[in-house]
């Protein structure tokens, strides 16, 4: 990548709402208003208190991607890079939560692939976080972020 392409990834507008938006997206990816960490994958059964080890390399990779996206949004590090995977994860969560609240048979089918974290209200929360992630992809990670610090250090 050229220097200007790196600069466009790290440049950020100094808007104050972005810190709260980044934290909201990170929390929606990690803790969907439950008392325990709920991940996207069905390696964690819905009635289990502790998730067993992921059984496939794909599950390990996707869980790592979910944690990486959440931590990048929390720190404001490479927000534009991780915005697209975060939006996909949030969209899958929203669809699975909507399907889980539709009927029990559909919920049982989805629970084999994706772990729904709630019902239609959780889906609405994930759609709100998806909207915030879309805005953050467009404007950057804000005033208090690793991206802004790197941009001011390397490109200004």
N, C-alpha and C. Protein backbone atom coordinates (compact mmCIF):
# COMPACT_ATOMS: atom_id res chain seq x y z
N UNK A 1 0.84 -1.18 0.00
CA UNK A 1 0.00 0.00 0.00
C UNK A 1 0.88 1.24 0.00
N UNK A 2 0.41 2.24 -0.69
CA UNK A 2 1.16 3.49 -0.73
C UNK A 2 0.92 4.30 0.55
N UNK A 3 1.72 5.32 0.71
CA UNK A 3 1.62 6.15 1.91
C UNK A 3 0.26 6.85 2.00
N UNK A 4 -0.28 7.29 0.87
CA UNK A 4 -1.58 7.97 0.90
C UNK A 4 -2.72 7.00 1.21
N UNK A 5 -2.59 5.75 0.78
CA UNK A 5 -3.62 4.76 1.11
C UNK A 5 -3.62 4.46 2.61
N UNK A 6 -2.43 4.35 3.22
CA UNK A 6 -2.35 4.16 4.66
C UNK A 6 -2.92 5.38 5.38
N UNK A 7 -2.62 6.56 4.87
CA UNK A 7 -3.12 7.78 5.49
C UNK A 7 -4.65 7.83 5.43
N UNK A 8 -5.24 7.38 4.34
CA UNK A 8 -6.71 7.39 4.25
C UNK A 8 -7.34 6.37 5.18
N UNK A 9 -6.63 5.29 5.49
CA UNK A 9 -7.16 4.33 6.46
C UNK A 9 -7.12 4.86 7.88
N UNK A 10 -6.11 5.67 8.19
CA UNK A 10 -5.91 6.14 9.56
C UNK A 10 -6.50 7.51 9.84
N UNK A 11 -6.73 8.31 8.80
CA UNK A 11 -7.26 9.66 9.01
C UNK A 11 -8.63 9.59 9.66
N UNK A 12 -8.91 10.56 10.51
CA UNK A 12 -10.16 10.53 11.27
C UNK A 12 -10.63 11.94 11.54
N UNK A 13 -11.93 12.14 11.47
CA UNK A 13 -12.49 13.42 11.83
C UNK A 13 -12.58 13.50 13.36
N UNK A 14 -12.32 14.66 13.94
CA UNK A 14 -12.32 14.76 15.41
C UNK A 14 -13.71 14.98 15.99
N UNK A 15 -14.63 14.09 15.71
CA UNK A 15 -15.99 14.19 16.24
C UNK A 15 -16.07 13.48 17.59
N UNK A 16 -16.83 14.04 18.51
CA UNK A 16 -16.88 13.52 19.87
C UNK A 16 -17.73 12.26 20.01
N UNK A 17 -18.72 12.03 19.15
CA UNK A 17 -19.62 10.89 19.31
C UNK A 17 -18.95 9.56 18.97
N UNK A 18 -17.80 9.61 18.32
CA UNK A 18 -17.20 8.37 17.83
C UNK A 18 -16.70 7.46 18.94
N UNK A 19 -16.23 8.01 20.04
CA UNK A 19 -15.75 7.17 21.13
C UNK A 19 -16.89 6.32 21.67
N UNK A 20 -18.02 6.94 21.94
CA UNK A 20 -19.19 6.18 22.40
C UNK A 20 -19.67 5.18 21.38
N UNK A 21 -19.64 5.56 20.11
CA UNK A 21 -20.04 4.64 19.04
C UNK A 21 -19.13 3.44 18.94
N UNK A 22 -17.82 3.68 19.06
CA UNK A 22 -16.87 2.57 19.00
C UNK A 22 -17.08 1.61 20.16
N UNK A 23 -17.27 2.14 21.36
CA UNK A 23 -17.49 1.29 22.54
C UNK A 23 -18.80 0.53 22.40
N UNK A 24 -19.83 1.15 21.86
CA UNK A 24 -21.11 0.47 21.67
C UNK A 24 -20.98 -0.70 20.70
N UNK A 25 -20.25 -0.51 19.61
CA UNK A 25 -20.04 -1.60 18.66
C UNK A 25 -19.23 -2.72 19.30
N UNK A 26 -18.19 -2.39 20.04
CA UNK A 26 -17.38 -3.41 20.71
C UNK A 26 -18.21 -4.20 21.70
N UNK A 27 -19.05 -3.52 22.47
CA UNK A 27 -19.89 -4.23 23.44
C UNK A 27 -20.96 -5.08 22.75
N UNK A 28 -21.48 -4.61 21.62
CA UNK A 28 -22.47 -5.41 20.89
C UNK A 28 -21.84 -6.68 20.34
N UNK A 29 -20.56 -6.60 19.99
CA UNK A 29 -19.88 -7.80 19.50
C UNK A 29 -19.56 -8.77 20.64
N UNK A 30 -19.23 -8.25 21.82
CA UNK A 30 -18.81 -9.12 22.91
C UNK A 30 -19.91 -9.48 23.90
N UNK A 31 -20.57 -8.48 24.44
CA UNK A 31 -21.53 -8.70 25.52
C UNK A 31 -22.90 -8.19 25.12
N UNK A 32 -23.74 -9.04 24.55
CA UNK A 32 -25.07 -8.56 24.15
C UNK A 32 -26.05 -8.54 25.33
N UNK A 33 -25.78 -7.67 26.29
CA UNK A 33 -26.65 -7.43 27.44
C UNK A 33 -26.94 -8.69 28.24
N UNK A 34 -25.99 -9.59 28.31
CA UNK A 34 -26.13 -10.78 29.12
C UNK A 34 -25.04 -10.77 30.19
N UNK A 35 -25.11 -11.70 31.11
CA UNK A 35 -24.13 -11.72 32.18
C UNK A 35 -22.86 -12.46 31.79
N UNK A 36 -22.82 -13.08 30.64
CA UNK A 36 -21.64 -13.82 30.22
C UNK A 36 -21.28 -13.43 28.79
N UNK A 37 -20.07 -13.75 28.38
CA UNK A 37 -19.64 -13.45 27.03
C UNK A 37 -20.29 -14.44 26.08
N UNK A 38 -21.00 -13.93 25.11
CA UNK A 38 -21.67 -14.79 24.13
C UNK A 38 -21.03 -14.56 22.77
N UNK A 39 -20.54 -15.63 22.18
CA UNK A 39 -19.92 -15.50 20.88
C UNK A 39 -20.88 -15.92 19.79
N UNK A 40 -20.53 -15.58 18.59
CA UNK A 40 -21.38 -15.81 17.44
C UNK A 40 -21.58 -17.28 17.13
N UNK A 41 -20.59 -18.09 17.40
CA UNK A 41 -20.63 -19.47 16.94
C UNK A 41 -21.39 -20.38 17.88
N UNK A 42 -21.87 -21.49 17.34
CA UNK A 42 -22.65 -22.41 18.15
C UNK A 42 -21.79 -23.41 18.90
N UNK A 43 -20.49 -23.16 19.00
CA UNK A 43 -19.64 -24.01 19.84
C UNK A 43 -20.03 -23.85 21.29
N UNK A 44 -20.76 -22.80 21.59
CA UNK A 44 -21.24 -22.54 22.95
C UNK A 44 -22.74 -22.79 22.97
N UNK A 45 -23.22 -23.91 23.52
CA UNK A 45 -24.66 -24.17 23.57
C UNK A 45 -25.38 -23.10 24.39
N UNK A 46 -26.61 -22.84 24.05
CA UNK A 46 -27.33 -21.73 24.68
C UNK A 46 -27.58 -21.96 26.16
N UNK A 47 -27.60 -23.21 26.64
CA UNK A 47 -27.86 -23.46 28.05
C UNK A 47 -26.58 -23.71 28.85
N UNK A 48 -25.42 -23.64 28.22
CA UNK A 48 -24.15 -23.90 28.91
C UNK A 48 -23.67 -22.65 29.64
N UNK A 49 -23.12 -22.85 30.83
CA UNK A 49 -22.55 -21.73 31.57
C UNK A 49 -21.13 -21.41 31.08
N UNK A 50 -20.39 -22.45 30.69
CA UNK A 50 -19.03 -22.27 30.18
C UNK A 50 -18.98 -22.91 28.80
N UNK A 51 -18.42 -22.19 27.85
CA UNK A 51 -18.34 -22.70 26.49
C UNK A 51 -17.21 -23.72 26.37
N UNK A 52 -17.49 -24.87 25.73
CA UNK A 52 -16.40 -25.83 25.50
C UNK A 52 -15.45 -25.29 24.43
N UNK A 53 -14.32 -25.92 24.32
CA UNK A 53 -13.35 -25.51 23.30
C UNK A 53 -13.97 -25.66 21.92
N UNK A 54 -13.65 -24.73 21.04
CA UNK A 54 -14.20 -24.78 19.68
C UNK A 54 -13.75 -26.05 19.00
N UNK A 55 -14.65 -26.66 18.26
CA UNK A 55 -14.35 -27.97 17.72
C UNK A 55 -13.72 -27.93 16.33
N UNK A 56 -13.85 -26.86 15.62
CA UNK A 56 -13.27 -26.80 14.28
C UNK A 56 -12.37 -25.58 14.15
N UNK A 57 -11.42 -25.64 13.23
CA UNK A 57 -10.56 -24.48 13.00
C UNK A 57 -11.35 -23.26 12.53
N UNK A 58 -12.45 -23.47 11.79
CA UNK A 58 -13.28 -22.34 11.34
C UNK A 58 -13.88 -21.63 12.54
N UNK A 59 -14.35 -22.38 13.52
CA UNK A 59 -14.92 -21.76 14.72
C UNK A 59 -13.86 -20.99 15.49
N UNK A 60 -12.68 -21.54 15.58
CA UNK A 60 -11.60 -20.84 16.27
C UNK A 60 -11.26 -19.55 15.53
N UNK A 61 -11.18 -19.61 14.21
CA UNK A 61 -10.85 -18.44 13.40
C UNK A 61 -11.93 -17.37 13.52
N UNK A 62 -13.20 -17.75 13.45
CA UNK A 62 -14.28 -16.76 13.52
C UNK A 62 -14.41 -16.17 14.92
N UNK A 63 -14.18 -16.96 15.94
CA UNK A 63 -14.19 -16.42 17.30
C UNK A 63 -13.05 -15.42 17.48
N UNK A 64 -11.87 -15.75 16.95
CA UNK A 64 -10.74 -14.84 17.00
C UNK A 64 -11.06 -13.55 16.25
N UNK A 65 -11.70 -13.65 15.07
CA UNK A 65 -12.07 -12.48 14.29
C UNK A 65 -13.06 -11.61 15.06
N UNK A 66 -14.00 -12.24 15.73
CA UNK A 66 -14.99 -11.50 16.52
C UNK A 66 -14.31 -10.74 17.66
N UNK A 67 -13.40 -11.40 18.36
CA UNK A 67 -12.68 -10.74 19.45
C UNK A 67 -11.75 -9.64 18.93
N UNK A 68 -11.13 -9.88 17.78
CA UNK A 68 -10.24 -8.88 17.18
C UNK A 68 -11.02 -7.64 16.74
N UNK A 69 -12.17 -7.84 16.12
CA UNK A 69 -13.00 -6.70 15.72
C UNK A 69 -13.45 -5.90 16.93
N UNK A 70 -13.89 -6.59 17.97
CA UNK A 70 -14.35 -5.89 19.17
C UNK A 70 -13.23 -5.11 19.83
N UNK A 71 -12.06 -5.71 19.93
CA UNK A 71 -10.95 -4.99 20.57
C UNK A 71 -10.45 -3.85 19.70
N UNK A 72 -10.50 -3.98 18.38
CA UNK A 72 -10.07 -2.87 17.52
C UNK A 72 -11.03 -1.69 17.63
N UNK A 73 -12.33 -1.97 17.75
CA UNK A 73 -13.28 -0.88 17.93
C UNK A 73 -13.12 -0.23 19.30
N UNK A 74 -12.85 -1.01 20.33
CA UNK A 74 -12.67 -0.45 21.66
C UNK A 74 -11.46 0.47 21.72
N UNK A 75 -10.38 0.08 21.06
CA UNK A 75 -9.15 0.89 21.09
C UNK A 75 -9.12 1.95 20.00
N UNK A 76 -9.97 1.82 18.99
CA UNK A 76 -9.91 2.74 17.87
C UNK A 76 -8.72 2.46 16.97
N UNK A 77 -8.32 1.21 16.88
CA UNK A 77 -7.17 0.84 16.07
C UNK A 77 -7.63 0.17 14.79
N UNK A 78 -7.29 0.76 13.66
CA UNK A 78 -7.65 0.24 12.33
C UNK A 78 -9.16 0.00 12.23
N UNK A 79 -9.92 0.99 12.62
CA UNK A 79 -11.38 0.88 12.65
C UNK A 79 -11.95 0.66 11.26
N UNK A 80 -11.41 1.35 10.27
CA UNK A 80 -11.93 1.18 8.91
C UNK A 80 -11.64 -0.21 8.36
N UNK A 81 -10.52 -0.79 8.74
CA UNK A 81 -10.17 -2.14 8.27
C UNK A 81 -11.12 -3.18 8.86
N UNK A 82 -11.40 -3.06 10.15
CA UNK A 82 -12.24 -4.06 10.82
C UNK A 82 -13.73 -3.72 10.78
N UNK A 83 -14.11 -2.63 10.11
CA UNK A 83 -15.53 -2.27 10.04
C UNK A 83 -16.32 -3.28 9.21
N UNK A 84 -15.79 -3.73 8.10
CA UNK A 84 -16.54 -4.66 7.26
C UNK A 84 -16.74 -6.02 7.94
N UNK A 85 -15.71 -6.65 8.52
CA UNK A 85 -15.99 -7.90 9.24
C UNK A 85 -16.95 -7.69 10.42
N UNK A 86 -16.84 -6.56 11.10
CA UNK A 86 -17.74 -6.29 12.22
C UNK A 86 -19.18 -6.14 11.72
N UNK A 87 -19.36 -5.48 10.58
CA UNK A 87 -20.71 -5.32 10.04
C UNK A 87 -21.30 -6.67 9.64
N UNK A 88 -20.48 -7.54 9.07
CA UNK A 88 -20.97 -8.88 8.71
C UNK A 88 -21.37 -9.66 9.97
N UNK A 89 -20.51 -9.61 11.00
CA UNK A 89 -20.82 -10.31 12.25
C UNK A 89 -22.10 -9.77 12.89
N UNK A 90 -22.26 -8.46 12.90
CA UNK A 90 -23.46 -7.86 13.48
C UNK A 90 -24.71 -8.19 12.67
N UNK A 91 -24.59 -8.24 11.34
CA UNK A 91 -25.73 -8.60 10.51
C UNK A 91 -26.15 -10.05 10.74
N UNK A 92 -25.17 -10.94 10.86
CA UNK A 92 -25.48 -12.35 11.14
C UNK A 92 -26.14 -12.48 12.50
N UNK A 93 -25.65 -11.74 13.49
CA UNK A 93 -26.27 -11.77 14.81
C UNK A 93 -27.70 -11.26 14.76
N UNK A 94 -27.93 -10.19 14.02
CA UNK A 94 -29.29 -9.64 13.92
C UNK A 94 -30.24 -10.62 13.26
N UNK A 95 -29.80 -11.23 12.17
CA UNK A 95 -30.66 -12.20 11.47
C UNK A 95 -30.92 -13.42 12.34
N UNK A 96 -29.91 -13.92 13.04
CA UNK A 96 -30.11 -15.09 13.89
C UNK A 96 -31.03 -14.77 15.06
N UNK A 97 -30.94 -13.57 15.61
CA UNK A 97 -31.82 -13.20 16.71
C UNK A 97 -33.26 -13.04 16.24
N UNK A 98 -33.44 -12.46 15.05
CA UNK A 98 -34.79 -12.36 14.50
C UNK A 98 -35.38 -13.74 14.24
N UNK A 99 -34.58 -14.63 13.68
CA UNK A 99 -35.06 -15.98 13.40
C UNK A 99 -35.34 -16.75 14.69
N UNK A 100 -34.54 -16.51 15.72
CA UNK A 100 -34.74 -17.20 17.00
C UNK A 100 -36.06 -16.78 17.64
N UNK A 101 -36.48 -15.55 17.41
CA UNK A 101 -37.74 -15.12 17.99
C UNK A 101 -38.94 -15.46 17.11
N UNK A 102 -38.69 -15.92 15.87
CA UNK A 102 -39.79 -16.25 14.96
C UNK A 102 -40.51 -17.53 15.40
N UNK A 103 -39.79 -18.63 15.50
CA UNK A 103 -40.39 -19.86 16.01
C UNK A 103 -39.31 -20.80 16.53
N UNK A 104 -39.72 -21.76 17.33
CA UNK A 104 -38.77 -22.65 18.00
C UNK A 104 -38.05 -23.57 17.02
N UNK A 105 -38.74 -24.03 15.99
CA UNK A 105 -38.14 -24.94 15.01
C UNK A 105 -37.02 -24.25 14.24
N UNK A 106 -37.27 -23.03 13.81
CA UNK A 106 -36.25 -22.26 13.11
C UNK A 106 -35.09 -21.93 14.05
N UNK A 107 -35.41 -21.65 15.30
CA UNK A 107 -34.38 -21.36 16.29
C UNK A 107 -33.46 -22.57 16.51
N UNK A 108 -34.04 -23.77 16.58
CA UNK A 108 -33.24 -24.98 16.78
C UNK A 108 -32.33 -25.23 15.58
N UNK A 109 -32.81 -24.94 14.38
CA UNK A 109 -32.00 -25.11 13.18
C UNK A 109 -30.84 -24.13 13.16
N UNK A 110 -31.10 -22.87 13.49
CA UNK A 110 -30.06 -21.85 13.48
C UNK A 110 -29.05 -22.09 14.58
N UNK A 111 -29.49 -22.61 15.74
CA UNK A 111 -28.59 -22.80 16.88
C UNK A 111 -27.49 -23.82 16.58
N UNK A 112 -27.66 -24.64 15.55
CA UNK A 112 -26.59 -25.57 15.17
C UNK A 112 -25.44 -24.85 14.48
N UNK A 113 -25.69 -23.69 13.90
CA UNK A 113 -24.67 -22.96 13.14
C UNK A 113 -24.23 -21.66 13.82
N UNK A 114 -25.19 -20.89 14.25
CA UNK A 114 -24.94 -19.59 14.85
C UNK A 114 -25.65 -19.54 16.19
N UNK A 115 -24.95 -19.04 17.21
CA UNK A 115 -25.53 -18.96 18.54
C UNK A 115 -26.34 -17.67 18.68
N UNK A 116 -27.69 -17.77 18.66
CA UNK A 116 -28.48 -16.55 18.85
C UNK A 116 -28.31 -16.04 20.28
N UNK A 117 -28.21 -14.75 20.43
CA UNK A 117 -27.99 -14.20 21.76
C UNK A 117 -29.26 -13.60 22.35
N UNK A 118 -30.35 -13.68 21.66
CA UNK A 118 -31.57 -13.11 22.21
C UNK A 118 -32.73 -13.23 21.25
N UNK A 119 -33.58 -12.23 21.28
CA UNK A 119 -34.77 -12.22 20.45
C UNK A 119 -34.77 -10.97 19.57
N UNK A 120 -35.94 -10.52 19.17
CA UNK A 120 -36.02 -9.39 18.24
C UNK A 120 -35.45 -8.12 18.84
N UNK A 121 -35.50 -7.96 20.17
CA UNK A 121 -34.94 -6.76 20.79
C UNK A 121 -33.41 -6.75 20.65
N UNK A 122 -32.78 -7.90 20.80
CA UNK A 122 -31.34 -7.99 20.57
C UNK A 122 -31.02 -7.71 19.11
N UNK A 123 -31.89 -8.19 18.22
CA UNK A 123 -31.68 -7.93 16.79
C UNK A 123 -31.72 -6.42 16.51
N UNK A 124 -32.63 -5.71 17.16
CA UNK A 124 -32.70 -4.26 16.99
C UNK A 124 -31.42 -3.60 17.51
N UNK A 125 -30.90 -4.10 18.65
CA UNK A 125 -29.65 -3.56 19.18
C UNK A 125 -28.49 -3.81 18.21
N UNK A 126 -28.44 -5.02 17.64
CA UNK A 126 -27.37 -5.32 16.69
C UNK A 126 -27.51 -4.50 15.41
N UNK A 127 -28.72 -4.22 14.98
CA UNK A 127 -28.89 -3.35 13.80
C UNK A 127 -28.44 -1.92 14.11
N UNK A 128 -28.68 -1.45 15.33
CA UNK A 128 -28.18 -0.13 15.73
C UNK A 128 -26.66 -0.10 15.74
N UNK A 129 -26.04 -1.15 16.26
CA UNK A 129 -24.58 -1.22 16.26
C UNK A 129 -24.04 -1.33 14.84
N UNK A 130 -24.78 -2.01 13.96
CA UNK A 130 -24.39 -2.10 12.56
C UNK A 130 -24.41 -0.71 11.92
N UNK A 131 -25.41 0.08 12.25
CA UNK A 131 -25.48 1.45 11.73
C UNK A 131 -24.31 2.30 12.23
N UNK A 132 -23.96 2.14 13.51
CA UNK A 132 -22.79 2.86 14.04
C UNK A 132 -21.50 2.41 13.37
N UNK A 133 -21.36 1.11 13.13
CA UNK A 133 -20.16 0.60 12.45
C UNK A 133 -20.06 1.16 11.04
N UNK A 134 -21.20 1.30 10.36
CA UNK A 134 -21.22 1.88 9.02
C UNK A 134 -20.72 3.32 9.06
N UNK A 135 -21.20 4.10 10.03
CA UNK A 135 -20.75 5.48 10.15
C UNK A 135 -19.27 5.57 10.51
N UNK A 136 -18.81 4.70 11.39
CA UNK A 136 -17.40 4.71 11.77
C UNK A 136 -16.51 4.31 10.60
N UNK A 137 -16.99 3.43 9.73
CA UNK A 137 -16.23 3.06 8.54
C UNK A 137 -16.04 4.27 7.65
N UNK A 138 -17.04 5.13 7.62
CA UNK A 138 -17.00 6.31 6.76
C UNK A 138 -16.13 7.42 7.34
N UNK A 139 -16.24 7.71 8.64
CA UNK A 139 -15.58 8.89 9.20
C UNK A 139 -14.33 8.60 10.01
N UNK A 140 -14.07 7.36 10.34
CA UNK A 140 -12.88 7.04 11.12
C UNK A 140 -13.21 6.80 12.58
N UNK A 141 -12.18 6.74 13.38
CA UNK A 141 -12.39 6.31 14.77
C UNK A 141 -12.44 7.44 15.78
N UNK A 142 -12.24 8.66 15.37
CA UNK A 142 -12.46 9.78 16.27
C UNK A 142 -11.21 10.33 16.93
N UNK A 143 -11.46 11.26 17.84
CA UNK A 143 -10.39 12.03 18.48
C UNK A 143 -9.53 11.19 19.40
N UNK A 144 -10.11 10.34 20.25
CA UNK A 144 -9.34 9.54 21.21
C UNK A 144 -9.22 8.13 20.68
N UNK A 145 -8.22 7.90 19.85
CA UNK A 145 -8.06 6.59 19.23
C UNK A 145 -6.61 6.35 18.85
N UNK A 146 -6.29 5.09 18.68
CA UNK A 146 -4.96 4.71 18.21
C UNK A 146 -4.77 5.18 16.77
N UNK A 147 -5.82 5.11 15.95
CA UNK A 147 -5.73 5.55 14.56
C UNK A 147 -5.32 7.02 14.47
N UNK A 148 -5.95 7.86 15.24
CA UNK A 148 -5.64 9.29 15.19
C UNK A 148 -4.21 9.55 15.67
N UNK A 149 -3.79 8.83 16.69
CA UNK A 149 -2.42 8.99 17.19
C UNK A 149 -1.42 8.55 16.12
N UNK A 150 -1.67 7.41 15.47
CA UNK A 150 -0.76 6.95 14.41
C UNK A 150 -0.74 7.92 13.24
N UNK A 151 -1.89 8.45 12.87
CA UNK A 151 -1.95 9.39 11.76
C UNK A 151 -1.14 10.66 12.08
N UNK A 152 -1.33 11.18 13.30
CA UNK A 152 -0.58 12.40 13.65
C UNK A 152 0.91 12.13 13.79
N UNK A 153 1.27 10.93 14.11
CA UNK A 153 2.67 10.56 14.30
C UNK A 153 3.40 10.32 12.97
N UNK A 154 2.70 9.68 12.03
CA UNK A 154 3.34 9.27 10.77
C UNK A 154 3.08 10.18 9.60
N UNK A 155 1.95 10.88 9.57
CA UNK A 155 1.55 11.57 8.35
C UNK A 155 1.41 13.07 8.48
N UNK A 156 1.55 13.61 9.65
CA UNK A 156 1.40 15.07 9.81
C UNK A 156 2.73 15.71 10.08
